[in-house]
N, C-alpha and C. Protein backbone atom coordinates (compact mmCIF):
# COMPACT_ATOMS: atom_id res chain seq x y z
N UNK A 1 -18.29 -85.71 31.30
CA UNK A 1 -17.66 -85.71 30.01
C UNK A 1 -17.02 -84.35 29.74
N UNK A 2 -17.68 -83.27 30.15
CA UNK A 2 -17.13 -81.93 29.90
C UNK A 2 -15.79 -81.75 30.59
N UNK A 3 -15.66 -82.26 31.82
CA UNK A 3 -14.39 -82.09 32.53
C UNK A 3 -13.28 -82.84 31.82
N UNK A 4 -13.60 -83.98 31.23
CA UNK A 4 -12.58 -84.72 30.49
C UNK A 4 -12.12 -83.93 29.28
N UNK A 5 -13.03 -83.28 28.60
CA UNK A 5 -12.65 -82.47 27.46
C UNK A 5 -11.81 -81.29 27.89
N UNK A 6 -12.16 -80.67 29.03
CA UNK A 6 -11.38 -79.54 29.54
C UNK A 6 -9.96 -80.01 29.84
N UNK A 7 -9.83 -81.17 30.47
CA UNK A 7 -8.50 -81.68 30.79
C UNK A 7 -7.72 -81.93 29.52
N UNK A 8 -8.35 -82.55 28.55
CA UNK A 8 -7.67 -82.88 27.31
C UNK A 8 -7.24 -81.62 26.56
N UNK A 9 -8.07 -80.61 26.60
CA UNK A 9 -7.77 -79.40 25.83
C UNK A 9 -6.82 -78.45 26.55
N UNK A 10 -6.91 -78.37 27.86
CA UNK A 10 -6.14 -77.36 28.57
C UNK A 10 -5.06 -77.93 29.46
N UNK A 11 -4.93 -79.25 29.53
CA UNK A 11 -3.96 -79.84 30.44
C UNK A 11 -4.37 -79.57 31.88
N UNK A 12 -3.39 -79.45 32.76
CA UNK A 12 -3.70 -79.24 34.16
C UNK A 12 -3.78 -77.75 34.44
N UNK A 13 -4.85 -77.14 34.00
CA UNK A 13 -5.07 -75.74 34.26
C UNK A 13 -5.99 -75.61 35.45
N UNK A 14 -6.30 -74.39 35.80
CA UNK A 14 -7.19 -74.17 36.94
C UNK A 14 -8.56 -74.78 36.72
N UNK A 15 -8.97 -74.94 35.47
CA UNK A 15 -10.29 -75.50 35.19
C UNK A 15 -10.42 -76.93 35.68
N UNK A 16 -9.32 -77.65 35.79
CA UNK A 16 -9.37 -79.05 36.19
C UNK A 16 -9.95 -79.22 37.59
N UNK A 17 -9.39 -78.52 38.56
CA UNK A 17 -9.82 -78.74 39.94
C UNK A 17 -10.64 -77.60 40.53
N UNK A 18 -10.76 -76.48 39.84
CA UNK A 18 -11.48 -75.36 40.41
C UNK A 18 -12.97 -75.41 40.10
N UNK A 19 -13.36 -76.25 39.15
CA UNK A 19 -14.77 -76.35 38.81
C UNK A 19 -15.22 -75.33 37.78
N UNK A 20 -14.29 -74.56 37.22
CA UNK A 20 -14.65 -73.61 36.17
C UNK A 20 -15.24 -74.37 35.00
N UNK A 21 -16.30 -73.83 34.43
CA UNK A 21 -16.87 -74.49 33.26
C UNK A 21 -16.36 -73.87 31.97
N UNK A 22 -15.63 -72.77 32.10
CA UNK A 22 -15.01 -72.17 30.92
C UNK A 22 -13.69 -71.58 31.33
N UNK A 23 -12.88 -71.22 30.38
CA UNK A 23 -11.59 -70.63 30.68
C UNK A 23 -11.71 -69.21 31.20
N UNK A 24 -12.83 -68.55 30.99
CA UNK A 24 -12.99 -67.15 31.38
C UNK A 24 -12.95 -67.00 32.89
N UNK A 25 -12.06 -66.17 33.35
CA UNK A 25 -11.98 -65.87 34.78
C UNK A 25 -11.21 -66.89 35.59
N UNK A 26 -10.83 -68.01 35.00
CA UNK A 26 -10.14 -69.04 35.75
C UNK A 26 -8.74 -68.62 36.16
N UNK A 27 -8.09 -67.80 35.36
CA UNK A 27 -6.70 -67.47 35.64
C UNK A 27 -6.54 -66.58 36.86
N UNK A 28 -7.64 -65.99 37.35
CA UNK A 28 -7.54 -65.09 38.49
C UNK A 28 -7.33 -65.81 39.81
N UNK A 29 -7.61 -67.10 39.85
CA UNK A 29 -7.41 -67.84 41.09
C UNK A 29 -6.69 -69.15 40.77
N UNK A 30 -5.81 -69.59 41.68
CA UNK A 30 -5.07 -70.83 41.42
C UNK A 30 -5.98 -72.04 41.54
N UNK A 31 -5.59 -73.14 40.90
CA UNK A 31 -6.38 -74.37 41.03
C UNK A 31 -6.27 -74.90 42.45
N UNK A 32 -7.24 -75.68 42.85
CA UNK A 32 -7.16 -76.32 44.16
C UNK A 32 -6.41 -77.64 44.00
N UNK A 33 -5.82 -78.14 45.09
CA UNK A 33 -5.13 -79.43 45.01
C UNK A 33 -6.10 -80.54 44.64
N UNK A 34 -5.60 -81.56 43.97
CA UNK A 34 -6.46 -82.65 43.59
C UNK A 34 -5.70 -83.82 43.02
N UNK A 35 -6.47 -84.79 42.53
CA UNK A 35 -5.87 -85.99 41.96
C UNK A 35 -6.66 -86.40 40.73
N UNK A 36 -5.95 -86.95 39.77
CA UNK A 36 -6.58 -87.61 38.64
C UNK A 36 -6.56 -89.09 38.96
N UNK A 37 -7.71 -89.73 38.85
CA UNK A 37 -7.83 -91.16 39.12
C UNK A 37 -8.19 -91.86 37.82
N UNK A 38 -7.28 -92.69 37.31
CA UNK A 38 -7.49 -93.43 36.07
C UNK A 38 -7.97 -94.84 36.41
N UNK A 39 -9.08 -95.26 35.80
CA UNK A 39 -9.68 -96.55 36.11
C UNK A 39 -10.41 -97.10 34.89
N UNK A 40 -10.84 -98.35 34.99
CA UNK A 40 -11.82 -98.93 34.06
C UNK A 40 -12.85 -99.67 34.88
N UNK A 41 -14.08 -99.70 34.40
CA UNK A 41 -15.18 -100.31 35.16
C UNK A 41 -15.00 -101.80 35.39
N UNK A 42 -14.28 -102.49 34.52
CA UNK A 42 -14.14 -103.94 34.64
C UNK A 42 -12.98 -104.36 35.54
N UNK A 43 -12.23 -103.42 36.05
CA UNK A 43 -11.06 -103.71 36.88
C UNK A 43 -11.48 -103.99 38.32
N UNK A 44 -11.21 -105.19 38.85
CA UNK A 44 -11.60 -105.52 40.23
C UNK A 44 -10.94 -104.61 41.27
N UNK A 45 -9.69 -104.26 41.06
CA UNK A 45 -9.00 -103.39 42.02
C UNK A 45 -9.61 -101.99 41.98
N UNK A 46 -9.97 -101.53 40.79
CA UNK A 46 -10.62 -100.22 40.65
C UNK A 46 -11.95 -100.21 41.41
N UNK A 47 -12.67 -101.32 41.35
CA UNK A 47 -13.94 -101.41 42.06
C UNK A 47 -13.73 -101.32 43.57
N UNK A 48 -12.62 -101.90 44.07
CA UNK A 48 -12.31 -101.82 45.51
C UNK A 48 -11.92 -100.39 45.91
N UNK A 49 -11.36 -99.64 44.98
CA UNK A 49 -10.94 -98.27 45.26
C UNK A 49 -12.11 -97.29 45.33
N UNK A 50 -13.22 -97.61 44.66
CA UNK A 50 -14.34 -96.67 44.59
C UNK A 50 -14.83 -96.21 45.95
N UNK A 51 -15.15 -97.10 46.90
CA UNK A 51 -15.63 -96.61 48.20
C UNK A 51 -14.56 -95.83 48.97
N UNK A 52 -13.30 -96.17 48.75
CA UNK A 52 -12.22 -95.44 49.42
C UNK A 52 -12.17 -94.00 48.89
N UNK A 53 -12.24 -93.85 47.57
CA UNK A 53 -12.22 -92.51 46.98
C UNK A 53 -13.48 -91.72 47.33
N UNK A 54 -14.62 -92.41 47.39
CA UNK A 54 -15.85 -91.74 47.81
C UNK A 54 -15.69 -91.18 49.22
N UNK A 55 -15.08 -91.96 50.11
CA UNK A 55 -14.84 -91.52 51.48
C UNK A 55 -13.87 -90.35 51.56
N UNK A 56 -12.83 -90.40 50.73
CA UNK A 56 -11.85 -89.31 50.68
C UNK A 56 -12.54 -88.02 50.25
N UNK A 57 -13.35 -88.08 49.20
CA UNK A 57 -14.04 -86.89 48.71
C UNK A 57 -14.98 -86.33 49.77
N UNK A 58 -15.65 -87.22 50.50
CA UNK A 58 -16.57 -86.77 51.55
C UNK A 58 -15.79 -86.14 52.71
N UNK A 59 -14.69 -86.76 53.11
CA UNK A 59 -13.90 -86.27 54.23
C UNK A 59 -13.27 -84.91 53.95
N UNK A 60 -12.72 -84.72 52.75
CA UNK A 60 -11.99 -83.50 52.44
C UNK A 60 -12.86 -82.42 51.79
N UNK A 61 -14.07 -82.79 51.39
CA UNK A 61 -14.97 -81.81 50.80
C UNK A 61 -14.33 -81.07 49.65
N UNK A 62 -14.45 -79.75 49.65
CA UNK A 62 -13.91 -78.93 48.57
C UNK A 62 -12.43 -78.66 48.67
N UNK A 63 -11.77 -79.13 49.74
CA UNK A 63 -10.34 -78.88 49.89
C UNK A 63 -9.48 -79.70 48.94
N UNK A 64 -10.00 -80.84 48.49
CA UNK A 64 -9.24 -81.74 47.62
C UNK A 64 -10.21 -82.42 46.68
N UNK A 65 -9.99 -82.28 45.40
CA UNK A 65 -10.90 -82.83 44.40
C UNK A 65 -10.27 -84.04 43.70
N UNK A 66 -11.07 -85.06 43.49
CA UNK A 66 -10.63 -86.24 42.73
C UNK A 66 -11.41 -86.25 41.42
N UNK A 67 -10.69 -86.17 40.31
CA UNK A 67 -11.30 -86.25 38.99
C UNK A 67 -11.10 -87.66 38.48
N UNK A 68 -12.20 -88.35 38.24
CA UNK A 68 -12.15 -89.75 37.80
C UNK A 68 -12.17 -89.82 36.28
N UNK A 69 -11.22 -90.56 35.73
CA UNK A 69 -11.09 -90.66 34.28
C UNK A 69 -11.16 -92.13 33.88
N UNK A 70 -12.20 -92.47 33.14
CA UNK A 70 -12.41 -93.84 32.70
C UNK A 70 -11.55 -94.10 31.47
N UNK A 71 -10.59 -94.99 31.60
CA UNK A 71 -9.67 -95.31 30.50
C UNK A 71 -10.35 -96.07 29.37
N UNK A 72 -11.60 -96.48 29.55
CA UNK A 72 -12.29 -97.22 28.50
C UNK A 72 -12.92 -96.28 27.47
N UNK A 73 -12.97 -94.98 27.77
CA UNK A 73 -13.55 -94.03 26.82
C UNK A 73 -12.45 -93.45 25.94
N UNK A 74 -12.84 -92.91 24.81
CA UNK A 74 -11.86 -92.31 23.90
C UNK A 74 -11.14 -91.14 24.58
N UNK A 75 -11.90 -90.28 25.28
CA UNK A 75 -11.29 -89.15 25.98
C UNK A 75 -10.35 -89.63 27.07
N UNK A 76 -10.79 -90.64 27.83
CA UNK A 76 -9.97 -91.18 28.90
C UNK A 76 -8.66 -91.76 28.39
N UNK A 77 -8.73 -92.48 27.28
CA UNK A 77 -7.51 -93.06 26.69
C UNK A 77 -6.54 -91.97 26.26
N UNK A 78 -7.09 -90.89 25.69
CA UNK A 78 -6.24 -89.77 25.24
C UNK A 78 -5.54 -89.12 26.43
N UNK A 79 -6.28 -88.87 27.49
CA UNK A 79 -5.70 -88.23 28.67
C UNK A 79 -4.68 -89.16 29.32
N UNK A 80 -5.00 -90.44 29.37
CA UNK A 80 -4.06 -91.42 29.94
C UNK A 80 -2.74 -91.43 29.16
N UNK A 81 -2.82 -91.41 27.84
CA UNK A 81 -1.61 -91.36 27.02
C UNK A 81 -0.81 -90.09 27.31
N UNK A 82 -1.50 -88.96 27.41
CA UNK A 82 -0.82 -87.68 27.67
C UNK A 82 -0.06 -87.69 28.99
N UNK A 83 -0.56 -88.47 29.95
CA UNK A 83 0.07 -88.53 31.28
C UNK A 83 0.93 -89.77 31.48
N UNK A 84 1.10 -90.56 30.43
CA UNK A 84 1.96 -91.74 30.52
C UNK A 84 1.42 -92.82 31.44
N UNK A 85 0.10 -92.97 31.48
CA UNK A 85 -0.53 -93.98 32.32
C UNK A 85 -0.40 -95.34 31.64
N UNK A 86 0.17 -96.30 32.36
CA UNK A 86 0.41 -97.63 31.80
C UNK A 86 -0.55 -98.69 32.32
N UNK A 87 -1.23 -98.42 33.41
CA UNK A 87 -2.15 -99.38 33.98
C UNK A 87 -3.13 -98.69 34.90
N UNK A 88 -4.09 -99.44 35.37
CA UNK A 88 -5.05 -98.89 36.29
C UNK A 88 -5.30 -99.85 37.44
N UNK A 89 -5.66 -99.33 38.57
CA UNK A 89 -5.88 -97.92 38.86
C UNK A 89 -4.56 -97.17 39.04
N UNK A 90 -4.58 -95.90 38.64
CA UNK A 90 -3.45 -95.01 38.85
C UNK A 90 -3.98 -93.68 39.35
N UNK A 91 -3.33 -93.15 40.37
CA UNK A 91 -3.67 -91.84 40.92
C UNK A 91 -2.50 -90.89 40.71
N UNK A 92 -2.78 -89.72 40.14
CA UNK A 92 -1.78 -88.67 40.02
C UNK A 92 -2.20 -87.55 40.96
N UNK A 93 -1.33 -87.17 41.87
CA UNK A 93 -1.61 -86.11 42.83
C UNK A 93 -1.01 -84.81 42.36
N UNK A 94 -1.75 -83.70 42.55
CA UNK A 94 -1.29 -82.38 42.13
C UNK A 94 -1.44 -81.39 43.29
N UNK A 95 -0.45 -80.51 43.43
CA UNK A 95 -0.54 -79.48 44.47
C UNK A 95 -1.35 -78.30 43.93
N UNK A 96 -1.46 -77.24 44.73
CA UNK A 96 -2.31 -76.11 44.34
C UNK A 96 -1.77 -75.34 43.14
N UNK A 97 -0.53 -75.59 42.75
CA UNK A 97 0.01 -74.93 41.55
C UNK A 97 -0.25 -75.76 40.30
N UNK A 98 -0.80 -76.96 40.44
CA UNK A 98 -1.06 -77.84 39.31
C UNK A 98 0.12 -78.74 38.98
N UNK A 99 1.13 -78.75 39.84
CA UNK A 99 2.33 -79.58 39.63
C UNK A 99 2.08 -80.98 40.17
N UNK A 100 2.40 -82.01 39.38
CA UNK A 100 2.27 -83.38 39.85
C UNK A 100 3.27 -83.62 40.97
N UNK A 101 2.78 -84.14 42.09
CA UNK A 101 3.64 -84.37 43.25
C UNK A 101 3.89 -85.84 43.52
N UNK A 102 2.99 -86.69 43.06
CA UNK A 102 3.15 -88.12 43.32
C UNK A 102 2.27 -88.92 42.38
N UNK A 103 2.71 -90.14 42.10
CA UNK A 103 1.99 -91.07 41.23
C UNK A 103 1.91 -92.40 41.96
N UNK A 104 0.69 -92.91 42.17
CA UNK A 104 0.49 -94.19 42.85
C UNK A 104 -0.27 -95.13 41.92
N UNK A 105 0.21 -96.37 41.82
CA UNK A 105 -0.46 -97.37 40.99
C UNK A 105 -0.94 -98.52 41.87
N UNK A 106 -2.03 -99.15 41.44
CA UNK A 106 -2.56 -100.29 42.17
C UNK A 106 -3.42 -99.87 43.35
N UNK A 107 -3.82 -100.86 44.14
CA UNK A 107 -4.68 -100.59 45.29
C UNK A 107 -3.94 -99.76 46.32
N UNK A 108 -4.64 -98.75 46.85
CA UNK A 108 -4.08 -97.89 47.90
C UNK A 108 -5.10 -97.79 49.02
N UNK A 109 -4.65 -97.95 50.25
CA UNK A 109 -5.55 -97.84 51.40
C UNK A 109 -5.91 -96.38 51.64
N UNK A 110 -6.97 -96.17 52.39
CA UNK A 110 -7.37 -94.80 52.72
C UNK A 110 -6.29 -94.11 53.54
N UNK A 111 -5.56 -94.86 54.37
CA UNK A 111 -4.49 -94.27 55.18
C UNK A 111 -3.38 -93.71 54.29
N UNK A 112 -2.99 -94.42 53.27
CA UNK A 112 -1.94 -93.96 52.36
C UNK A 112 -2.42 -92.71 51.62
N UNK A 113 -3.66 -92.75 51.13
CA UNK A 113 -4.19 -91.60 50.40
C UNK A 113 -4.32 -90.38 51.31
N UNK A 114 -4.83 -90.58 52.51
CA UNK A 114 -4.99 -89.46 53.45
C UNK A 114 -3.64 -88.84 53.81
N UNK A 115 -2.63 -89.67 53.98
CA UNK A 115 -1.29 -89.17 54.30
C UNK A 115 -0.78 -88.27 53.17
N UNK A 116 -0.94 -88.71 51.94
CA UNK A 116 -0.50 -87.91 50.79
C UNK A 116 -1.30 -86.62 50.66
N UNK A 117 -2.60 -86.71 50.82
CA UNK A 117 -3.45 -85.52 50.72
C UNK A 117 -3.10 -84.53 51.82
N UNK A 118 -2.93 -85.02 53.06
CA UNK A 118 -2.56 -84.13 54.16
C UNK A 118 -1.22 -83.45 53.91
N UNK A 119 -0.29 -84.18 53.29
CA UNK A 119 1.02 -83.58 52.95
C UNK A 119 0.83 -82.46 51.93
N UNK A 120 0.01 -82.69 50.92
CA UNK A 120 -0.24 -81.69 49.88
C UNK A 120 -0.95 -80.47 50.48
N UNK A 121 -1.88 -80.72 51.39
CA UNK A 121 -2.64 -79.62 51.99
C UNK A 121 -1.90 -78.93 53.13
N UNK A 122 -0.76 -79.49 53.52
CA UNK A 122 0.02 -78.89 54.59
C UNK A 122 -0.59 -79.09 55.97
N UNK A 123 -1.25 -80.21 56.15
CA UNK A 123 -1.88 -80.50 57.46
C UNK A 123 -0.94 -81.29 58.33
């Protein structure tokens, strides 16, 4: 819940993907690359994406962070509106500068996600 509030209050700052729990000291280092994943628990496609995203997080470790945002919560709805999310699942990819690089909607295979992540990481 705290990360959702940080996102809502600060936008895509270093706190989003760097794991900072406060704004203090965050500006000294750039954010790490990552993705915002918008979902709802009742969505069948979102349920199919869960093990894929779990595998991505395990494979890339700290090099790439996925922040999951439940659109069924008040905070999630607010963040989704701020980012123009029209449906779920939706993934927004960000490079190390915090700039959105790609937006994917619907089911995505691990191969598609890995290709995008590798491109962002320069692999």
